[in-house]
Each structure stands twice: as C-alpha cells, then as structure tokens.
Amino acid sequence: MEAGLEHLKRGTAKNVDMMIIVVEPYYRSLEAGMRTFKLATELNIKHLYVVSNKFTNEDDENAIKSFCEKHSMPIISNIPYDSNLIEAERNEKAPYDYNSEAPSIKAINKISDWISTH
C-alpha cells in the first residue's frame, strides 16, 4: 500500500500537477491516504483529490467521507465494491471487456471524464 510514498520522497513527482489518492474504507488505507495527501501537499502538488474505493454500504461510504472531511481531503468520486472485477480476473479478461456496464466501470469512466475536464 505505501510503496508509492517512497517514490514521492525521491522527488519523482516534481512535475505532477494532479494526484488522485485512492482509499478504501479501512483504517490503514485511510491513514496511508492521509500520509500520502500530506506528503503531496508538502511537495506542492497543486491538485489533490481522493477517490473512495470498494465501499460496500452506506456506512463504508460515510466512514470515508467523515475521515476525508476531518483531514480536508476532497473526494471527487466513489467506486463501489464490484464482484464483476473479481469475475473478470477469474476469466482472464480486462474488467471493461468483461462487463463495460458494471458499476465500478461506470464510476471509473466518470472519474476519467472528470479528470479530462480539470
């Protein structure tokens, strides 16, 4: 999970103008996301956003939202837990090729559209 921090500390993100930090509804993931967000802020990455991933219910979504609000980390989107991703892997297919209408794929497409306009 935190291997990405090593790359940031080495200065490989000096030309990055936008970073999206993906968090899951688990304490360790949220804490790692917060550390990444803080380090990216220190590195003057101007546009920092969070995407919540693998939430299974409203409690998961609210936990991520509450944590991110507490730490001033803006959430731009949510990707729900989606068994289609597991099935795609089992069938050795790309998730989009397996089911382009899956909830997770629709959410990812929205994120892609959002990024292209910002």
PDB file of N, CA and C in Angstrom:
ATOM      1  N   MET A   1       0.815  -1.198   0.000  1.00  0.00           N
ATOM      2  CA  MET A   1       0.000   0.000   0.000  1.00  0.00           C
ATOM      3  C   MET A   1       0.857   1.259   0.000  1.00  0.00           C
ATOM      4  N   GLU A   2       1.898   1.302   0.806  1.00  0.00           N
ATOM      5  CA  GLU A   2       2.626   2.550   0.972  1.00  0.00           C
ATOM      6  C   GLU A   2       3.878   2.652   0.109  1.00  0.00           C
ATOM      7  N   ALA A   3       4.090   1.734  -0.784  1.00  0.00           N
ATOM      8  CA  ALA A   3       5.273   1.808  -1.644  1.00  0.00           C
ATOM      9  C   ALA A   3       5.291   3.104  -2.437  1.00  0.00           C
ATOM     10  N   GLY A   4       4.143   3.643  -2.766  1.00  0.00           N
ATOM     11  CA  GLY A   4       4.061   4.893  -3.506  1.00  0.00           C
ATOM     12  C   GLY A   4       4.700   6.055  -2.782  1.00  0.00           C
ATOM     13  N   LEU A   5       4.690   6.023  -1.457  1.00  0.00           N
ATOM     14  CA  LEU A   5       5.311   7.100  -0.692  1.00  0.00           C
ATOM     15  C   LEU A   5       6.810   7.167  -0.943  1.00  0.00           C
ATOM     16  N   GLU A   6       7.441   6.013  -1.119  1.00  0.00           N
ATOM     17  CA  GLU A   6       8.875   6.004  -1.401  1.00  0.00           C
ATOM     18  C   GLU A   6       9.179   6.789  -2.669  1.00  0.00           C
ATOM     19  N   HIS A   7       8.364   6.617  -3.681  1.00  0.00           N
ATOM     20  CA  HIS A   7       8.577   7.331  -4.940  1.00  0.00           C
ATOM     21  C   HIS A   7       8.380   8.831  -4.763  1.00  0.00           C
ATOM     22  N   LEU A   8       7.396   9.209  -3.978  1.00  0.00           N
ATOM     23  CA  LEU A   8       7.175  10.636  -3.735  1.00  0.00           C
ATOM     24  C   LEU A   8       8.360  11.245  -2.997  1.00  0.00           C
ATOM     25  N   LYS A   9       8.884  10.521  -2.021  1.00  0.00           N
ATOM     26  CA  LYS A   9      10.005  11.036  -1.234  1.00  0.00           C
ATOM     27  C   LYS A   9      11.262  11.201  -2.080  1.00  0.00           C
ATOM     28  N   ARG A  10      11.376  10.440  -3.150  1.00  0.00           N
ATOM     29  CA  ARG A  10      12.543  10.538  -4.035  1.00  0.00           C
ATOM     30  C   ARG A  10      12.429  11.690  -5.016  1.00  0.00           C
ATOM     31  N   GLY A  11      11.340  12.385  -4.983  1.00  0.00           N
ATOM     32  CA  GLY A  11      11.185  13.539  -5.857  1.00  0.00           C
ATOM     33  C   GLY A  11      10.689  13.214  -7.249  1.00  0.00           C
ATOM     34  N   THR A  12      10.162  12.027  -7.449  1.00  0.00           N
ATOM     35  CA  THR A  12       9.700  11.662  -8.785  1.00  0.00           C
ATOM     36  C   THR A  12       8.411  12.375  -9.172  1.00  0.00           C
ATOM     37  N   ALA A  13       7.796  13.053  -8.231  1.00  0.00           N
ATOM     38  CA  ALA A  13       6.525  13.728  -8.518  1.00  0.00           C
ATOM     39  C   ALA A  13       6.707  15.226  -8.741  1.00  0.00           C
ATOM     40  N   LYS A  14       7.925  15.668  -9.019  1.00  0.00           N
ATOM     41  CA  LYS A  14       8.156  17.107  -9.102  1.00  0.00           C
ATOM     42  C   LYS A  14       7.405  17.785 -10.238  1.00  0.00           C
ATOM     43  N   ASN A  15       7.044  17.067 -11.275  1.00  0.00           N
ATOM     44  CA  ASN A  15       6.289  17.664 -12.378  1.00  0.00           C
ATOM     45  C   ASN A  15       4.818  17.255 -12.394  1.00  0.00           C
ATOM     46  N   VAL A  16       4.364  16.677 -11.305  1.00  0.00           N
ATOM     47  CA  VAL A  16       2.969  16.249 -11.199  1.00  0.00           C
ATOM     48  C   VAL A  16       2.111  17.447 -10.827  1.00  0.00           C
ATOM     49  N   ASP A  17       1.026  17.661 -11.561  1.00  0.00           N
ATOM     50  CA  ASP A  17       0.141  18.774 -11.211  1.00  0.00           C
ATOM     51  C   ASP A  17      -1.186  18.295 -10.630  1.00  0.00           C
ATOM     52  N   MET A  18      -1.502  16.997 -10.774  1.00  0.00           N
ATOM     53  CA  MET A  18      -2.713  16.444 -10.175  1.00  0.00           C
ATOM     54  C   MET A  18      -2.405  15.042  -9.659  1.00  0.00           C
ATOM     55  N   MET A  19      -2.900  14.769  -8.459  1.00  0.00           N
ATOM     56  CA  MET A  19      -2.747  13.433  -7.899  1.00  0.00           C
ATOM     57  C   MET A  19      -4.086  12.988  -7.338  1.00  0.00           C
ATOM     58  N   ILE A  20      -4.428  11.757  -7.657  1.00  0.00           N
ATOM     59  CA  ILE A  20      -5.642  11.162  -7.125  1.00  0.00           C
ATOM     60  C   ILE A  20      -5.219  10.033  -6.198  1.00  0.00           C
ATOM     61  N   ILE A  21      -5.648  10.128  -4.964  1.00  0.00           N
ATOM     62  CA  ILE A  21      -5.306   9.152  -3.941  1.00  0.00           C
ATOM     63  C   ILE A  21      -6.523   8.263  -3.727  1.00  0.00           C
ATOM     64  N   VAL A  22      -6.334   6.973  -3.899  1.00  0.00           N
ATOM     65  CA  VAL A  22      -7.438   6.020  -3.769  1.00  0.00           C
ATOM     66  C   VAL A  22      -7.398   5.419  -2.367  1.00  0.00           C
ATOM     67  N   VAL A  23      -8.525   5.514  -1.673  1.00  0.00           N
ATOM     68  CA  VAL A  23      -8.621   4.963  -0.323  1.00  0.00           C
ATOM     69  C   VAL A  23      -9.770   3.965  -0.246  1.00  0.00           C
ATOM     70  N   GLU A  24      -9.633   3.047   0.689  1.00  0.00           N
ATOM     71  CA  GLU A  24     -10.667   2.056   0.955  1.00  0.00           C
ATOM     72  C   GLU A  24     -11.188   2.275   2.372  1.00  0.00           C
ATOM     73  N   PRO A  25     -12.343   1.716   2.701  1.00  0.00           N
ATOM     74  CA  PRO A  25     -12.967   2.008   3.998  1.00  0.00           C
ATOM     75  C   PRO A  25     -12.351   1.243   5.172  1.00  0.00           C
ATOM     76  N   TYR A  26     -11.037   1.260   5.243  1.00  0.00           N
ATOM     77  CA  TYR A  26     -10.319   0.595   6.313  1.00  0.00           C
ATOM     78  C   TYR A  26      -9.338   1.597   6.906  1.00  0.00           C
ATOM     79  N   TYR A  27      -9.131   1.507   8.206  1.00  0.00           N
ATOM     80  CA  TYR A  27      -8.300   2.481   8.901  1.00  0.00           C
ATOM     81  C   TYR A  27      -6.906   2.600   8.281  1.00  0.00           C
ATOM     82  N   ARG A  28      -6.241   1.484   8.016  1.00  0.00           N
ATOM     83  CA  ARG A  28      -4.875   1.555   7.473  1.00  0.00           C
ATOM     84  C   ARG A  28      -4.854   2.225   6.107  1.00  0.00           C
ATOM     85  N   SER A  29      -5.851   1.964   5.302  1.00  0.00           N
ATOM     86  CA  SER A  29      -5.923   2.599   3.986  1.00  0.00           C
ATOM     87  C   SER A  29      -6.148   4.100   4.123  1.00  0.00           C
ATOM     88  N   LEU A  30      -7.042   4.474   5.014  1.00  0.00           N
ATOM     89  CA  LEU A  30      -7.322   5.898   5.219  1.00  0.00           C
ATOM     90  C   LEU A  30      -6.101   6.621   5.777  1.00  0.00           C
ATOM     91  N   GLU A  31      -5.414   5.999   6.714  1.00  0.00           N
ATOM     92  CA  GLU A  31      -4.201   6.598   7.277  1.00  0.00           C
ATOM     93  C   GLU A  31      -3.112   6.741   6.208  1.00  0.00           C
ATOM     94  N   ALA A  32      -2.932   5.715   5.394  1.00  0.00           N
ATOM     95  CA  ALA A  32      -1.942   5.794   4.308  1.00  0.00           C
ATOM     96  C   ALA A  32      -2.332   6.887   3.320  1.00  0.00           C
ATOM     97  N   GLY A  33      -3.614   6.992   3.030  1.00  0.00           N
ATOM     98  CA  GLY A  33      -4.094   8.053   2.145  1.00  0.00           C
ATOM     99  C   GLY A  33      -3.809   9.428   2.712  1.00  0.00           C
ATOM    100  N   MET A  34      -4.008   9.579   4.022  1.00  0.00           N
ATOM    101  CA  MET A  34      -3.744  10.863   4.666  1.00  0.00           C
ATOM    102  C   MET A  34      -2.252  11.199   4.608  1.00  0.00           C
ATOM    103  N   ARG A  35      -1.399  10.213   4.868  1.00  0.00           N
ATOM    104  CA  ARG A  35       0.051  10.460   4.795  1.00  0.00           C
ATOM    105  C   ARG A  35       0.467  10.837   3.376  1.00  0.00           C
ATOM    106  N   THR A  36      -0.100  10.161   2.409  1.00  0.00           N
ATOM    107  CA  THR A  36       0.191  10.481   1.008  1.00  0.00           C
ATOM    108  C   THR A  36      -0.266  11.894   0.685  1.00  0.00           C
ATOM    109  N   PHE A  37      -1.456  12.245   1.133  1.00  0.00           N
ATOM    110  CA  PHE A  37      -2.008  13.576   0.894  1.00  0.00           C
ATOM    111  C   PHE A  37      -1.106  14.649   1.513  1.00  0.00           C
ATOM    112  N   LYS A  38      -0.675  14.424   2.749  1.00  0.00           N
ATOM    113  CA  LYS A  38       0.198  15.399   3.425  1.00  0.00           C
ATOM    114  C   LYS A  38       1.533  15.545   2.701  1.00  0.00           C
ATOM    115  N   LEU A  39       2.124  14.435   2.315  1.00  0.00           N
ATOM    116  CA  LEU A  39       3.404  14.491   1.604  1.00  0.00           C
ATOM    117  C   LEU A  39       3.241  15.190   0.260  1.00  0.00           C
ATOM    118  N   ALA A  40       2.181  14.882  -0.448  1.00  0.00           N
ATOM    119  CA  ALA A  40       1.936  15.530  -1.743  1.00  0.00           C
ATOM    120  C   ALA A  40       1.735  17.032  -1.565  1.00  0.00           C
ATOM    121  N   THR A  41       1.100  17.421  -0.473  1.00  0.00           N
ATOM    122  CA  THR A  41       0.926  18.845  -0.170  1.00  0.00           C
ATOM    123  C   THR A  41       2.288  19.500   0.060  1.00  0.00           C
ATOM    124  N   GLU A  42       3.142  18.834   0.828  1.00  0.00           N
ATOM    125  CA  GLU A  42       4.487  19.353   1.087  1.00  0.00           C
ATOM    126  C   GLU A  42       5.303  19.468  -0.201  1.00  0.00           C
ATOM    127  N   LEU A  43       5.023  18.608  -1.158  1.00  0.00           N
ATOM    128  CA  LEU A  43       5.735  18.634  -2.438  1.00  0.00           C
ATOM    129  C   LEU A  43       5.110  19.619  -3.425  1.00  0.00           C
ATOM    130  N   ASN A  44       4.137  20.373  -2.948  1.00  0.00           N
ATOM    131  CA  ASN A  44       3.459  21.410  -3.743  1.00  0.00           C
ATOM    132  C   ASN A  44       2.714  20.871  -4.959  1.00  0.00           C
ATOM    133  N   ILE A  45       2.172  19.673  -4.834  1.00  0.00           N
ATOM    134  CA  ILE A  45       1.285  19.179  -5.882  1.00  0.00           C
ATOM    135  C   ILE A  45      -0.021  19.937  -5.705  1.00  0.00           C
ATOM    136  N   LYS A  46      -0.384  20.690  -6.709  1.00  0.00           N
ATOM    137  CA  LYS A  46      -1.464  21.666  -6.574  1.00  0.00           C
ATOM    138  C   LYS A  46      -2.868  21.075  -6.484  1.00  0.00           C
ATOM    139  N   HIS A  47      -3.115  20.032  -7.209  1.00  0.00           N
ATOM    140  CA  HIS A  47      -4.472  19.484  -7.270  1.00  0.00           C
ATOM    141  C   HIS A  47      -4.471  18.072  -6.693  1.00  0.00           C
ATOM    142  N   LEU A  48      -4.965  17.956  -5.466  1.00  0.00           N
ATOM    143  CA  LEU A  48      -5.006  16.670  -4.765  1.00  0.00           C
ATOM    144  C   LEU A  48      -6.452  16.285  -4.512  1.00  0.00           C
ATOM    145  N   TYR A  49      -6.780  15.057  -4.873  1.00  0.00           N
ATOM    146  CA  TYR A  49      -8.149  14.576  -4.714  1.00  0.00           C
ATOM    147  C   TYR A  49      -8.136  13.134  -4.227  1.00  0.00           C
ATOM    148  N   VAL A  50      -9.266  12.733  -3.682  1.00  0.00           N
ATOM    149  CA  VAL A  50      -9.430  11.376  -3.174  1.00  0.00           C
ATOM    150  C   VAL A  50     -10.557  10.689  -3.931  1.00  0.00           C
ATOM    151  N   VAL A  51     -10.360   9.409  -4.184  1.00  0.00           N
ATOM    152  CA  VAL A  51     -11.417   8.540  -4.703  1.00  0.00           C
ATOM    153  C   VAL A  51     -11.610   7.437  -3.673  1.00  0.00           C
ATOM    154  N   SER A  52     -12.841   7.237  -3.243  1.00  0.00           N
ATOM    155  CA  SER A  52     -13.112   6.123  -2.333  1.00  0.00           C
ATOM    156  C   SER A  52     -13.362   4.879  -3.169  1.00  0.00           C
ATOM    157  N   ASN A  53     -12.828   3.773  -2.701  1.00  0.00           N
ATOM    158  CA  ASN A  53     -12.862   2.533  -3.470  1.00  0.00           C
ATOM    159  C   ASN A  53     -13.355   1.383  -2.595  1.00  0.00           C
ATOM    160  N   LYS A  54     -14.077   0.459  -3.206  1.00  0.00           N
ATOM    161  CA  LYS A  54     -14.504  -0.793  -2.580  1.00  0.00           C
ATOM    162  C   LYS A  54     -15.446  -0.612  -1.396  1.00  0.00           C
ATOM    163  N   PHE A  55     -16.237   0.447  -1.408  1.00  0.00           N
ATOM    164  CA  PHE A  55     -17.213   0.548  -0.328  1.00  0.00           C
ATOM    165  C   PHE A  55     -18.370  -0.390  -0.634  1.00  0.00           C
ATOM    166  N   THR A  56     -18.912  -0.999   0.413  1.00  0.00           N
ATOM    167  CA  THR A  56     -19.978  -1.983   0.217  1.00  0.00           C
ATOM    168  C   THR A  56     -21.338  -1.500   0.694  1.00  0.00           C
ATOM    169  N   ASN A  57     -21.325  -0.438   1.482  1.00  0.00           N
ATOM    170  CA  ASN A  57     -22.597   0.057   2.006  1.00  0.00           C
ATOM    171  C   ASN A  57     -22.450   1.523   2.409  1.00  0.00           C
ATOM    172  N   GLU A  58     -23.538   2.079   2.873  1.00  0.00           N
ATOM    173  CA  GLU A  58     -23.549   3.496   3.245  1.00  0.00           C
ATOM    174  C   GLU A  58     -22.614   3.780   4.417  1.00  0.00           C
ATOM    175  N   ASP A  59     -22.476   2.831   5.347  1.00  0.00           N
ATOM    176  CA  ASP A  59     -21.563   3.030   6.475  1.00  0.00           C
ATOM    177  C   ASP A  59     -20.120   3.174   5.997  1.00  0.00           C
ATOM    178  N   ASP A  60     -19.711   2.335   5.048  1.00  0.00           N
ATOM    179  CA  ASP A  60     -18.359   2.448   4.480  1.00  0.00           C
ATOM    180  C   ASP A  60     -18.168   3.812   3.829  1.00  0.00           C
ATOM    181  N   GLU A  61     -19.135   4.194   3.024  1.00  0.00           N
ATOM    182  CA  GLU A  61     -19.053   5.471   2.310  1.00  0.00           C
ATOM    183  C   GLU A  61     -18.996   6.639   3.294  1.00  0.00           C
ATOM    184  N   ASN A  62     -19.810   6.579   4.339  1.00  0.00           N
ATOM    185  CA  ASN A  62     -19.823   7.644   5.345  1.00  0.00           C
ATOM    186  C   ASN A  62     -18.525   7.689   6.143  1.00  0.00           C
ATOM    187  N   ALA A  63     -17.939   6.526   6.422  1.00  0.00           N
ATOM    188  CA  ALA A  63     -16.668   6.487   7.157  1.00  0.00           C
ATOM    189  C   ALA A  63     -15.569   7.182   6.356  1.00  0.00           C
ATOM    190  N   ILE A  64     -15.515   6.901   5.070  1.00  0.00           N
ATOM    191  CA  ILE A  64     -14.520   7.548   4.210  1.00  0.00           C
ATOM    192  C   ILE A  64     -14.791   9.045   4.139  1.00  0.00           C
ATOM    193  N   LYS A  65     -16.041   9.405   3.930  1.00  0.00           N
ATOM    194  CA  LYS A  65     -16.409  10.820   3.822  1.00  0.00           C
ATOM    195  C   LYS A  65     -16.053  11.573   5.097  1.00  0.00           C
ATOM    196  N   SER A  66     -16.375  11.007   6.242  1.00  0.00           N
ATOM    197  CA  SER A  66     -16.081  11.655   7.521  1.00  0.00           C
ATOM    198  C   SER A  66     -14.577  11.835   7.716  1.00  0.00           C
ATOM    199  N   PHE A  67     -13.801  10.790   7.454  1.00  0.00           N
ATOM    200  CA  PHE A  67     -12.352  10.859   7.604  1.00  0.00           C
ATOM    201  C   PHE A  67     -11.767  11.925   6.686  1.00  0.00           C
ATOM    202  N   CYS A  68     -12.196  11.912   5.440  1.00  0.00           N
ATOM    203  CA  CYS A  68     -11.653  12.865   4.467  1.00  0.00           C
ATOM    204  C   CYS A  68     -12.041  14.301   4.808  1.00  0.00           C
ATOM    205  N   GLU A  69     -13.260  14.514   5.255  1.00  0.00           N
ATOM    206  CA  GLU A  69     -13.672  15.862   5.664  1.00  0.00           C
ATOM    207  C   GLU A  69     -12.844  16.333   6.850  1.00  0.00           C
ATOM    208  N   LYS A  70     -12.624  15.452   7.813  1.00  0.00           N
ATOM    209  CA  LYS A  70     -11.836  15.790   9.008  1.00  0.00           C
ATOM    210  C   LYS A  70     -10.420  16.225   8.640  1.00  0.00           C
ATOM    211  N   HIS A  71      -9.876  15.649   7.575  1.00  0.00           N
ATOM    212  CA  HIS A  71      -8.495  15.936   7.173  1.00  0.00           C
ATOM    213  C   HIS A  71      -8.410  16.804   5.916  1.00  0.00           C
ATOM    214  N   SER A  72      -9.514  17.451   5.563  1.00  0.00           N
ATOM    215  CA  SER A  72      -9.573  18.377   4.416  1.00  0.00           C
ATOM    216  C   SER A  72      -9.072  17.736   3.124  1.00  0.00           C
ATOM    217  N   MET A  73      -9.526  16.524   2.888  1.00  0.00           N
ATOM    218  CA  MET A  73      -9.161  15.782   1.684  1.00  0.00           C
ATOM    219  C   MET A  73     -10.409  15.670   0.804  1.00  0.00           C
ATOM    220  N   PRO A  74     -10.464  16.401  -0.314  1.00  0.00           N
ATOM    221  CA  PRO A  74     -11.676  16.405  -1.146  1.00  0.00           C
ATOM    222  C   PRO A  74     -11.877  15.098  -1.925  1.00  0.00           C
ATOM    223  N   ILE A  75     -13.065  14.541  -1.791  1.00  0.00           N
ATOM    224  CA  ILE A  75     -13.425  13.323  -2.524  1.00  0.00           C
ATOM    225  C   ILE A  75     -14.080  13.730  -3.836  1.00  0.00           C
ATOM    226  N   ILE A  76     -13.583  13.181  -4.938  1.00  0.00           N
ATOM    227  CA  ILE A  76     -14.186  13.506  -6.236  1.00  0.00           C
ATOM    228  C   ILE A  76     -15.118  12.417  -6.741  1.00  0.00           C
ATOM    229  N   SER A  77     -14.953  11.197  -6.207  1.00  0.00           N
ATOM    230  CA  SER A  77     -15.808  10.118  -6.699  1.00  0.00           C
ATOM    231  C   SER A  77     -15.721   8.906  -5.781  1.00  0.00           C
ATOM    232  N   ASN A  78     -16.644   7.985  -6.015  1.00  0.00           N
ATOM    233  CA  ASN A  78     -16.702   6.743  -5.252  1.00  0.00           C
ATOM    234  C   ASN A  78     -16.800   5.568  -6.222  1.00  0.00           C
ATOM    235  N   ILE A  79     -15.998   4.558  -5.978  1.00  0.00           N
ATOM    236  CA  ILE A  79     -16.069   3.329  -6.772  1.00  0.00           C
ATOM    237  C   ILE A  79     -16.567   2.229  -5.835  1.00  0.00           C
ATOM    238  N   PRO A  80     -17.741   1.684  -6.098  1.00  0.00           N
ATOM    239  CA  PRO A  80     -18.269   0.653  -5.201  1.00  0.00           C
ATOM    240  C   PRO A  80     -17.530  -0.669  -5.355  1.00  0.00           C
ATOM    241  N   TYR A  81     -17.597  -1.483  -4.305  1.00  0.00           N
ATOM    242  CA  TYR A  81     -17.123  -2.858  -4.430  1.00  0.00           C
ATOM    243  C   TYR A  81     -17.941  -3.500  -5.540  1.00  0.00           C
ATOM    244  N   ASP A  82     -17.281  -4.248  -6.399  1.00  0.00           N
ATOM    245  CA  ASP A  82     -17.983  -4.811  -7.548  1.00  0.00           C
ATOM    246  C   ASP A  82     -17.425  -6.199  -7.852  1.00  0.00           C
ATOM    247  N   SER A  83     -18.237  -7.212  -7.669  1.00  0.00           N
ATOM    248  CA  SER A  83     -17.797  -8.587  -7.921  1.00  0.00           C
ATOM    249  C   SER A  83     -17.453  -8.824  -9.392  1.00  0.00           C
ATOM    250  N   ASN A  84     -17.897  -7.942 -10.278  1.00  0.00           N
ATOM    251  CA  ASN A  84     -17.527  -8.064 -11.691  1.00  0.00           C
ATOM    252  C   ASN A  84     -16.014  -8.002 -11.883  1.00  0.00           C
ATOM    253  N   LEU A  85     -15.329  -7.250 -11.036  1.00  0.00           N
ATOM    254  CA  LEU A  85     -13.873  -7.152 -11.154  1.00  0.00           C
ATOM    255  C   LEU A  85     -13.211  -8.484 -10.821  1.00  0.00           C
ATOM    256  N   ILE A  86     -13.731  -9.159  -9.818  1.00  0.00           N
ATOM    257  CA  ILE A  86     -13.201 -10.471  -9.445  1.00  0.00           C
ATOM    258  C   ILE A  86     -13.485 -11.483 -10.550  1.00  0.00           C
ATOM    259  N   GLU A  87     -14.700 -11.451 -11.049  1.00  0.00           N
ATOM    260  CA  GLU A  87     -15.071 -12.372 -12.128  1.00  0.00           C
ATOM    261  C   GLU A  87     -14.234 -12.127 -13.388  1.00  0.00           C
ATOM    262  N   ALA A  88     -13.978 -10.881 -13.694  1.00  0.00           N
ATOM    263  CA  ALA A  88     -13.137 -10.568 -14.856  1.00  0.00           C
ATOM    264  C   ALA A  88     -11.751 -11.177 -14.684  1.00  0.00           C
ATOM    265  N   GLU A  89     -11.198 -11.028 -13.502  1.00  0.00           N
ATOM    266  CA  GLU A  89      -9.872 -11.587 -13.216  1.00  0.00           C
ATOM    267  C   GLU A  89      -9.887 -13.106 -13.360  1.00  0.00           C
ATOM    268  N   ARG A  90     -10.898 -13.729 -12.793  1.00  0.00           N
ATOM    269  CA  ARG A  90     -11.001 -15.194 -12.883  1.00  0.00           C
ATOM    270  C   ARG A  90     -11.118 -15.664 -14.331  1.00  0.00           C
ATOM    271  N   ASN A  91     -11.736 -14.848 -15.155  1.00  0.00           N
ATOM    272  CA  ASN A  91     -11.920 -15.186 -16.565  1.00  0.00           C
ATOM    273  C   ASN A  91     -10.809 -14.636 -17.460  1.00  0.00           C
ATOM    274  N   GLU A  92      -9.773 -14.092 -16.815  1.00  0.00           N
ATOM    275  CA  GLU A  92      -8.602 -13.562 -17.514  1.00  0.00           C
ATOM    276  C   GLU A  92      -8.974 -12.519 -18.555  1.00  0.00           C
ATOM    277  N   LYS A  93      -9.874 -11.641 -18.155  1.00  0.00           N
ATOM    278  CA  LYS A  93     -10.306 -10.564 -19.037  1.00  0.00           C
ATOM    279  C   LYS A  93     -10.105  -9.223 -18.344  1.00  0.00           C
ATOM    280  N   ALA A  94      -9.927  -8.208 -19.147  1.00  0.00           N
ATOM    281  CA  ALA A  94      -9.900  -6.850 -18.603  1.00  0.00           C
ATOM    282  C   ALA A  94     -11.299  -6.539 -18.083  1.00  0.00           C
ATOM    283  N   PRO A  95     -11.409  -5.839 -16.968  1.00  0.00           N
ATOM    284  CA  PRO A  95     -12.736  -5.540 -16.422  1.00  0.00           C
ATOM    285  C   PRO A  95     -13.676  -4.888 -17.426  1.00  0.00           C
ATOM    286  N   TYR A  96     -13.155  -3.970 -18.226  1.00  0.00           N
ATOM    287  CA  TYR A  96     -14.008  -3.294 -19.207  1.00  0.00           C
ATOM    288  C   TYR A  96     -14.525  -4.281 -20.253  1.00  0.00           C
ATOM    289  N   ASP A  97     -13.669  -5.196 -20.673  1.00  0.00           N
ATOM    290  CA  ASP A  97     -14.079  -6.196 -21.658  1.00  0.00           C
ATOM    291  C   ASP A  97     -15.061  -7.203 -21.072  1.00  0.00           C
ATOM    292  N   TYR A  98     -14.936  -7.457 -19.785  1.00  0.00           N
ATOM    293  CA  TYR A  98     -15.819  -8.424 -19.133  1.00  0.00           C
ATOM    294  C   TYR A  98     -17.235  -7.869 -19.003  1.00  0.00           C
ATOM    295  N   ASN A  99     -17.342  -6.622 -18.517  1.00  0.00           N
ATOM    296  CA  ASN A  99     -18.665  -6.011 -18.358  1.00  0.00           C
ATOM    297  C   ASN A  99     -18.506  -4.494 -18.322  1.00  0.00           C
ATOM    298  N   SER A 100     -18.628  -3.870 -19.457  1.00  0.00           N
ATOM    299  CA  SER A 100     -18.435  -2.416 -19.547  1.00  0.00           C
ATOM    300  C   SER A 100     -19.542  -1.636 -18.844  1.00  0.00           C
ATOM    301  N   GLU A 101     -20.617  -2.306 -18.454  1.00  0.00           N
ATOM    302  CA  GLU A 101     -21.719  -1.646 -17.752  1.00  0.00           C
ATOM    303  C   GLU A 101     -21.687  -1.906 -16.245  1.00  0.00           C
ATOM    304  N   ALA A 102     -20.634  -2.538 -15.766  1.00  0.00           N
ATOM    305  CA  ALA A 102     -20.511  -2.817 -14.335  1.00  0.00           C
ATOM    306  C   ALA A 102     -20.457  -1.502 -13.561  1.00  0.00           C
ATOM    307  N   PRO A 103     -20.990  -1.493 -12.331  1.00  0.00           N
ATOM    308  CA  PRO A 103     -20.981  -0.257 -11.535  1.00  0.00           C
ATOM    309  C   PRO A 103     -19.587   0.351 -11.365  1.00  0.00           C
ATOM    310  N   SER A 104     -18.592  -0.487 -11.143  1.00  0.00           N
ATOM    311  CA  SER A 104     -17.233   0.037 -10.960  1.00  0.00           C
ATOM    312  C   SER A 104     -16.707   0.668 -12.244  1.00  0.00           C
ATOM    313  N   ILE A 105     -16.988   0.057 -13.370  1.00  0.00           N
ATOM    314  CA  ILE A 105     -16.521   0.588 -14.653  1.00  0.00           C
ATOM    315  C   ILE A 105     -17.200   1.919 -14.953  1.00  0.00           C
ATOM    316  N   LYS A 106     -18.481   2.008 -14.674  1.00  0.00           N
ATOM    317  CA  LYS A 106     -19.190   3.279 -14.869  1.00  0.00           C
ATOM    318  C   LYS A 106     -18.580   4.370 -13.996  1.00  0.00           C
ATOM    319  N   ALA A 107     -18.254   4.028 -12.746  1.00  0.00           N
ATOM    320  CA  ALA A 107     -17.649   5.009 -11.840  1.00  0.00           C
ATOM    321  C   ALA A 107     -16.273   5.438 -12.341  1.00  0.00           C
ATOM    322  N   ILE A 108     -15.485   4.494 -12.810  1.00  0.00           N
ATOM    323  CA  ILE A 108     -14.150   4.806 -13.322  1.00  0.00           C
ATOM    324  C   ILE A 108     -14.245   5.679 -14.570  1.00  0.00           C
ATOM    325  N   ASN A 109     -15.192   5.393 -15.431  1.00  0.00           N
ATOM    326  CA  ASN A 109     -15.387   6.234 -16.621  1.00  0.00           C
ATOM    327  C   ASN A 109     -15.742   7.666 -16.234  1.00  0.00           C
ATOM    328  N   LYS A 110     -16.560   7.830 -15.198  1.00  0.00           N
ATOM    329  CA  LYS A 110     -16.910   9.178 -14.731  1.00  0.00           C
ATOM    330  C   LYS A 110     -15.676   9.902 -14.200  1.00  0.00           C
ATOM    331  N   ILE A 111     -14.820   9.175 -13.501  1.00  0.00           N
ATOM    332  CA  ILE A 111     -13.581   9.777 -12.993  1.00  0.00           C
ATOM    333  C   ILE A 111     -12.705  10.216 -14.160  1.00  0.00           C
ATOM    334  N   SER A 112     -12.584   9.382 -15.147  1.00  0.00           N
ATOM    335  CA  SER A 112     -11.796   9.719 -16.335  1.00  0.00           C
ATOM    336  C   SER A 112     -12.335  10.977 -17.008  1.00  0.00           C
ATOM    337  N   ASP A 113     -13.643  11.047 -17.146  1.00  0.00           N
ATOM    338  CA  ASP A 113     -14.263  12.243 -17.735  1.00  0.00           C
ATOM    339  C   ASP A 113     -13.979  13.473 -16.884  1.00  0.00           C
ATOM    340  N   TRP A 114     -14.067  13.324 -15.568  1.00  0.00           N
ATOM    341  CA  TRP A 114     -13.826  14.444 -14.657  1.00  0.00           C
ATOM    342  C   TRP A 114     -12.382  14.937 -14.802  1.00  0.00           C
ATOM    343  N   ILE A 115     -11.440  14.004 -14.819  1.00  0.00           N
ATOM    344  CA  ILE A 115     -10.028  14.375 -14.946  1.00  0.00           C
ATOM    345  C   ILE A 115      -9.784  15.132 -16.246  1.00  0.00           C
ATOM    346  N   SER A 116     -10.386  14.685 -17.319  1.00  0.00           N
ATOM    347  CA  SER A 116     -10.138  15.321 -18.617  1.00  0.00           C
ATOM    348  C   SER A 116     -10.677  16.745 -18.687  1.00  0.00           C
ATOM    349  N   THR A 117     -11.558  17.113 -17.782  1.00  0.00           N
ATOM    350  CA  THR A 117     -12.097  18.478 -17.777  1.00  0.00           C
ATOM    351  C   THR A 117     -11.468  19.361 -16.701  1.00  0.00           C
ATOM    352  N   HIS A 118     -10.536  18.820 -15.938  1.00  0.00           N
ATOM    353  CA  HIS A 118      -9.928  19.622 -14.864  1.00  0.00           C
ATOM    354  C   HIS A 118      -8.451  19.769 -15.064  1.00  0.00           C
TER     355      HIS A 118
END
